[in-house]
Amino acid sequence: MAVSMTGFGSGKIHRENWQCSAEIRTVNNRFLDINIRLPTGFQRLLQPLKQIVQKTCFRGKVDCTIVLSDDAANNSLCLNHDLAEKYKNLIGEFHSLTQLPVTINLSDLLKIQDLIQIPQPDPESDFFASLIEDSLLIAIDQLKSMRVKEGESLMIDIRERLNISTSILNEIEQIAKDLPPLYYQKLRERLAALDGKLEFDEERVHQELALFADRSDITEEITRFRTHLEHMESVLEEKEVGRRADFLLQEFNREINTIASKSNNAAISQLVVEIKGQLEKMREQIQNIE
């Protein structure tokens, strides 16, 4: 089943006093490009998390943001013991050297940067690693659902355009069948307009007609175009659609361009413009399919 490369998912988990939020966004891209933003200190989880994403996303640009927050942060403060110990030793050393009393109040302590801290998650803790991974998995599940739903919509649109292209091709084929007799009729009319001023050989007229029919014969191109239409239907049923479908569209355009140049007919040229419009719309949709 084809899935869209465009999607969004979010996951949020509360455990103990901590909350982890994960958001993942994907857009179309020729190759797989994963970018994960993690809380400070958690870079060791980058590669394992990328491997989790790679199980779902095979192409596209993936942006993921993970945020850790302490639910009790507004009510929870802690003392930086290492920094406090350093200041204690420094004050003791100052007193020993000067024999002067040192008086410190709360306002002095609050001026010392990083002495009073909000509790920070421990990057080496398995608790936080599990919290991050589980929130990401929830976000990925949402992403999958959205991409599948969007993929179904894209498939409906592409198949409708394939049907329209088939109908247009049938019109082209019918017009092409009538071209040799029409050319013969116009040729006779032009010769008749000469009113005997130029002698012509009837056999030569038939030779010209045969040459025209051979030059303007688009039967082979129409047959190949139909084969591509059938092939596209089977490609749309595969798991990874995008690249093969994009290649087939190039073949579609090659055949339809040849049809336009060989037929040299205004009606067919107009139908070619219509069918190329459908092919362009399909190309835009297929570029969003993984």
Protein backbone atom coordinates (compact mmCIF):
# COMPACT_ATOMS: atom_id res chain seq x y z
CA MET A 1 0.00 0.00 0.00
CA ALA A 2 1.33 3.41 -0.98
CA VAL A 3 1.79 5.98 1.76
CA SER A 4 2.35 9.70 1.56
CA MET A 5 5.71 11.20 2.49
CA THR A 6 3.85 14.09 4.12
CA GLY A 7 2.63 13.65 7.67
CA PHE A 8 2.70 14.69 11.31
CA GLY A 9 2.57 12.90 14.64
CA SER A 10 2.95 13.79 18.31
CA GLY A 11 3.37 11.81 21.49
CA LYS A 12 3.33 12.83 25.13
CA ILE A 13 4.06 10.73 28.23
CA HIS A 14 3.97 11.54 31.96
CA ARG A 15 6.01 9.42 34.36
CA GLU A 16 6.76 10.30 37.95
CA ASN A 17 7.43 14.06 37.89
CA TRP A 18 8.62 14.15 34.28
CA GLN A 19 6.92 14.77 30.95
CA CYS A 20 8.31 13.98 27.50
CA SER A 21 6.83 15.45 24.31
CA ALA A 22 7.79 14.23 20.83
CA GLU A 23 6.75 15.74 17.50
CA ILE A 24 7.63 14.33 14.11
CA ARG A 25 7.02 15.93 10.71
CA THR A 26 7.77 14.51 7.27
CA VAL A 27 7.75 16.07 3.80
CA ASN A 28 8.68 14.72 0.40
CA ASN A 29 12.33 14.31 -0.48
CA ARG A 30 14.20 12.18 -2.99
CA PHE A 31 16.18 10.41 -0.26
CA LEU A 32 15.75 9.78 3.47
CA ASP A 33 16.97 12.70 5.57
CA ILE A 34 16.39 12.44 9.35
CA ASN A 35 16.97 15.30 11.75
CA ILE A 36 16.26 14.74 15.47
CA ARG A 37 16.54 17.51 18.07
CA LEU A 38 17.14 16.10 21.56
CA PRO A 39 17.44 17.67 25.02
CA THR A 40 20.95 18.76 25.95
CA GLY A 41 23.18 15.85 26.87
CA PHE A 42 21.09 13.11 25.22
CA GLN A 43 23.02 12.87 21.94
CA ARG A 44 23.95 9.27 22.73
CA LEU A 45 20.34 8.37 21.86
CA LEU A 46 20.49 9.95 18.40
CA GLN A 47 21.50 6.88 16.40
CA PRO A 48 19.12 4.41 18.14
CA LEU A 49 16.23 6.85 17.61
CA LYS A 50 17.11 7.27 13.94
CA GLN A 51 16.99 3.50 13.55
CA ILE A 52 13.48 3.51 15.00
CA VAL A 53 12.39 6.18 12.49
CA GLN A 54 13.97 4.22 9.61
CA LYS A 55 11.62 1.31 10.28
CA THR A 56 8.72 3.56 9.24
CA CYS A 57 10.20 6.11 6.84
CA PHE A 58 12.11 4.99 3.75
CA ARG A 59 12.14 8.30 1.85
CA GLY A 60 11.43 11.92 2.74
CA LYS A 61 12.74 14.66 4.99
CA VAL A 62 12.02 13.88 8.65
CA ASP A 63 12.17 16.49 11.41
CA CYS A 64 11.69 15.35 14.99
CA THR A 65 11.76 17.40 18.19
CA ILE A 66 11.84 15.88 21.68
CA VAL A 67 11.41 17.96 24.84
CA LEU A 68 11.78 16.87 28.48
CA SER A 69 10.20 18.92 31.26
CA ASP A 70 9.78 18.56 35.01
CA ASP A 71 6.12 18.75 36.06
CA ALA A 72 7.24 19.89 39.51
CA ALA A 73 9.78 22.40 38.22
CA ASN A 74 7.85 25.39 39.56
CA ASN A 75 7.92 23.94 43.07
CA SER A 76 11.22 22.12 42.99
CA LEU A 77 14.65 23.71 43.37
CA CYS A 78 17.93 22.14 44.31
CA LEU A 79 21.34 23.26 45.49
CA ASN A 80 24.38 22.74 43.30
CA HIS A 81 26.43 20.89 45.91
CA ASP A 82 29.72 21.02 44.02
CA LEU A 83 29.48 24.76 43.47
CA ALA A 84 28.37 25.39 47.08
CA GLU A 85 31.34 23.39 48.36
CA LYS A 86 33.72 25.48 46.25
CA TYR A 87 32.29 28.74 47.59
CA LYS A 88 32.44 27.38 51.14
CA ASN A 89 36.12 26.55 50.74
CA LEU A 90 36.77 29.92 49.15
CA ILE A 91 35.10 31.79 52.04
CA GLY A 92 37.04 29.68 54.58
CA GLU A 93 40.29 30.45 52.79
CA PHE A 94 39.44 34.19 52.75
CA HIS A 95 38.70 34.13 56.50
CA SER A 96 41.93 32.28 57.26
CA LEU A 97 44.00 34.80 55.38
CA THR A 98 42.30 38.02 56.58
CA GLN A 99 40.77 37.02 59.91
CA LEU A 100 37.78 39.08 58.78
CA PRO A 101 34.25 37.82 59.38
CA VAL A 102 32.26 36.93 56.26
CA THR A 103 28.52 37.50 56.34
CA ILE A 104 26.36 35.98 53.59
CA ASN A 105 22.61 36.38 53.24
CA LEU A 106 20.05 34.89 50.83
CA SER A 107 20.29 37.72 48.32
CA ASP A 108 24.03 37.05 48.02
CA LEU A 109 23.40 33.38 47.35
CA LEU A 110 20.81 34.12 44.67
CA LYS A 111 23.35 36.22 42.78
CA ILE A 112 25.65 33.24 42.35
CA GLN A 113 24.94 31.76 38.92
CA ASP A 114 23.89 28.10 38.87
CA LEU A 115 24.04 27.76 42.68
CA ILE A 116 20.26 27.28 42.86
CA GLN A 117 19.04 25.03 40.04
CA ILE A 118 15.94 23.42 38.66
CA PRO A 119 16.39 19.62 38.63
CA GLN A 120 17.77 18.41 35.27
CA PRO A 121 17.27 14.99 33.69
CA ASP A 122 20.21 12.63 33.85
CA PRO A 123 21.36 11.81 30.26
CA GLU A 124 22.79 8.48 31.42
CA SER A 125 19.58 7.33 33.08
CA ASP A 126 17.65 4.46 31.47
CA PHE A 127 14.47 6.03 32.86
CA PHE A 128 14.79 9.06 30.59
CA ALA A 129 15.96 6.98 27.61
CA SER A 130 12.82 4.87 27.91
CA LEU A 131 10.66 7.98 28.34
CA ILE A 132 12.05 9.53 25.15
CA GLU A 133 11.77 6.35 23.08
CA ASP A 134 8.18 5.62 24.14
CA SER A 135 7.00 9.16 23.38
CA LEU A 136 8.64 8.94 19.95
CA LEU A 137 6.89 5.63 19.22
CA ILE A 138 3.52 7.22 20.00
CA ALA A 139 4.33 10.08 17.62
CA ILE A 140 5.39 7.61 14.91
CA ASP A 141 2.10 5.69 15.26
CA GLN A 142 0.18 8.92 14.63
CA LEU A 143 2.48 9.71 11.72
CA LYS A 144 1.81 6.28 10.16
CA SER A 145 -1.96 6.75 10.35
CA MET A 146 -1.80 10.18 8.75
CA ARG A 147 0.56 9.05 5.98
CA VAL A 148 -1.60 6.04 5.14
CA LYS A 149 -4.75 8.17 5.01
CA GLU A 150 -3.05 10.77 2.84
CA GLY A 151 -1.64 8.00 0.63
CA GLU A 152 -5.13 6.60 0.05
CA SER A 153 -6.34 10.03 -1.08
CA LEU A 154 -3.38 10.35 -3.44
CA MET A 155 -4.09 6.90 -4.91
CA ILE A 156 -7.72 7.82 -5.59
CA ASP A 157 -6.67 10.98 -7.40
CA ILE A 158 -3.94 9.24 -9.43
CA ARG A 159 -6.28 6.44 -10.53
CA GLU A 160 -8.92 8.97 -11.61
CA ARG A 161 -6.31 10.71 -13.73
CA LEU A 162 -5.19 7.39 -15.20
CA ASN A 163 -8.80 6.74 -16.23
CA ILE A 164 -9.07 10.20 -17.79
CA SER A 165 -5.79 9.62 -19.65
CA THR A 166 -7.13 6.30 -20.97
CA SER A 167 -10.27 8.01 -22.28
CA ILE A 168 -8.22 10.73 -23.98
CA LEU A 169 -5.96 8.09 -25.53
CA ASN A 170 -9.04 6.35 -26.96
CA GLU A 171 -10.04 9.63 -28.61
CA ILE A 172 -6.57 10.05 -30.06
CA GLU A 173 -6.65 6.52 -31.42
CA GLN A 174 -10.01 7.09 -33.11
CA ILE A 175 -8.86 10.33 -34.73
CA ALA A 176 -5.63 8.65 -35.88
CA LYS A 177 -7.63 5.98 -37.74
CA ASP A 178 -9.41 8.65 -39.74
CA LEU A 179 -6.27 10.58 -40.69
CA PRO A 180 -5.23 8.69 -43.90
CA PRO A 181 -8.70 8.90 -45.54
CA LEU A 182 -8.93 12.56 -44.51
CA TYR A 183 -5.48 13.28 -45.95
CA TYR A 184 -6.45 11.47 -49.17
CA GLN A 185 -9.62 13.53 -49.49
CA LYS A 186 -7.78 16.83 -48.98
CA LEU A 187 -5.07 15.78 -51.43
CA ARG A 188 -7.69 15.02 -54.11
CA GLU A 189 -9.42 18.32 -53.44
CA ARG A 190 -6.18 20.23 -53.90
CA LEU A 191 -5.40 18.38 -57.11
CA ALA A 192 -8.90 19.00 -58.39
CA ALA A 193 -8.48 22.71 -57.63
CA LEU A 194 -5.67 22.80 -60.16
CA ASP A 195 -8.40 22.31 -62.79
CA GLY A 196 -6.27 20.29 -65.17
CA LYS A 197 -3.29 22.61 -65.02
CA LEU A 198 -1.13 19.76 -63.77
CA GLU A 199 -1.22 16.16 -64.78
CA PHE A 200 -0.83 13.64 -61.99
CA ASP A 201 -0.59 9.90 -61.77
CA GLU A 202 -3.22 8.16 -59.63
CA GLU A 203 -0.61 5.62 -58.56
CA ARG A 204 1.59 8.48 -57.36
CA VAL A 205 -1.32 9.76 -55.27
CA HIS A 206 -1.63 6.40 -53.57
CA GLN A 207 2.11 6.35 -52.96
CA GLU A 208 1.90 9.71 -51.24
CA LEU A 209 -1.00 8.44 -49.18
CA ALA A 210 1.02 5.37 -48.14
CA LEU A 211 4.01 7.54 -47.19
CA PHE A 212 1.79 9.81 -45.13
CA ALA A 213 0.15 6.87 -43.39
CA ASP A 214 3.57 5.44 -42.53
CA ARG A 215 4.95 8.75 -41.23
CA SER A 216 1.87 9.52 -39.13
CA ASP A 217 1.28 6.01 -37.82
CA ILE A 218 1.13 6.23 -34.02
CA THR A 219 -0.17 2.72 -33.39
CA GLU A 220 3.07 1.63 -31.75
CA GLU A 221 3.15 4.66 -29.44
CA ILE A 222 -0.48 4.17 -28.44
CA THR A 223 0.18 0.50 -27.69
CA ARG A 224 3.18 1.35 -25.52
CA PHE A 225 1.19 4.05 -23.73
CA ARG A 226 -1.53 1.51 -22.91
CA THR A 227 1.13 -0.90 -21.64
CA HIS A 228 2.48 1.82 -19.35
CA LEU A 229 -1.05 2.48 -18.07
CA GLU A 230 -1.45 -1.18 -17.14
CA HIS A 231 2.01 -1.27 -15.59
CA MET A 232 1.23 1.81 -13.51
CA GLU A 233 -1.81 0.07 -12.03
CA SER A 234 0.41 -2.77 -10.79
CA VAL A 235 3.06 -0.36 -9.49
CA LEU A 236 0.45 1.47 -7.42
CA GLU A 237 -0.20 -1.78 -5.54
CA GLU A 238 3.42 -2.13 -4.44
CA LYS A 239 4.77 -1.08 -1.06
CA GLU A 240 7.28 1.45 -2.41
CA VAL A 241 5.63 3.29 -5.27
CA GLY A 242 7.34 6.64 -5.72
CA ARG A 243 10.51 5.94 -7.71
CA ARG A 244 9.06 3.37 -10.12
CA ALA A 245 5.96 5.46 -10.73
CA ASP A 246 8.10 8.52 -11.38
CA PHE A 247 10.12 6.58 -13.96
CA LEU A 248 6.93 5.39 -15.67
CA LEU A 249 5.70 8.97 -15.95
CA GLN A 250 8.83 9.82 -17.91
CA GLU A 251 7.94 7.00 -20.32
CA PHE A 252 4.37 8.33 -20.57
CA ASN A 253 5.66 11.74 -21.58
CA ARG A 254 8.08 10.30 -24.10
CA GLU A 255 5.30 8.41 -25.90
CA ILE A 256 2.80 11.26 -25.83
CA ASN A 257 5.38 13.70 -27.23
CA THR A 258 6.10 11.30 -30.08
CA ILE A 259 2.37 10.99 -30.77
CA ALA A 260 2.06 14.77 -31.03
CA SER A 261 5.02 15.14 -33.41
CA LYS A 262 4.10 12.23 -35.71
CA SER A 263 0.38 12.88 -36.04
CA ASN A 264 0.73 16.56 -37.04
CA ASN A 265 -2.98 17.04 -36.39
CA ALA A 266 -4.61 19.93 -34.53
CA ALA A 267 -7.25 17.79 -32.81
CA ILE A 268 -4.69 15.27 -31.62
CA SER A 269 -2.37 18.07 -30.51
CA GLN A 270 -5.17 19.49 -28.35
CA LEU A 271 -5.80 16.08 -26.79
CA VAL A 272 -2.08 15.68 -26.17
CA VAL A 273 -2.11 18.96 -24.21
CA GLU A 274 -4.98 17.60 -22.09
CA ILE A 275 -3.29 14.28 -21.41
CA LYS A 276 0.01 16.00 -20.53
CA GLY A 277 -1.92 18.11 -18.02
CA GLN A 278 -3.14 14.90 -16.37
CA LEU A 279 0.39 13.48 -16.37
CA GLU A 280 1.75 16.62 -14.71
CA LYS A 281 -0.89 16.41 -11.96
CA MET A 282 0.01 12.75 -11.43
CA ARG A 283 3.69 13.66 -11.23
CA GLU A 284 2.94 16.17 -8.46
CA GLN A 285 0.99 13.54 -6.52
CA ILE A 286 3.56 10.79 -7.04
CA GLN A 287 6.33 13.04 -5.74
CA ASN A 288 4.51 12.93 -2.39
CA ILE A 289 4.38 9.11 -2.33
CA GLU A 290 7.08 7.12 -0.56
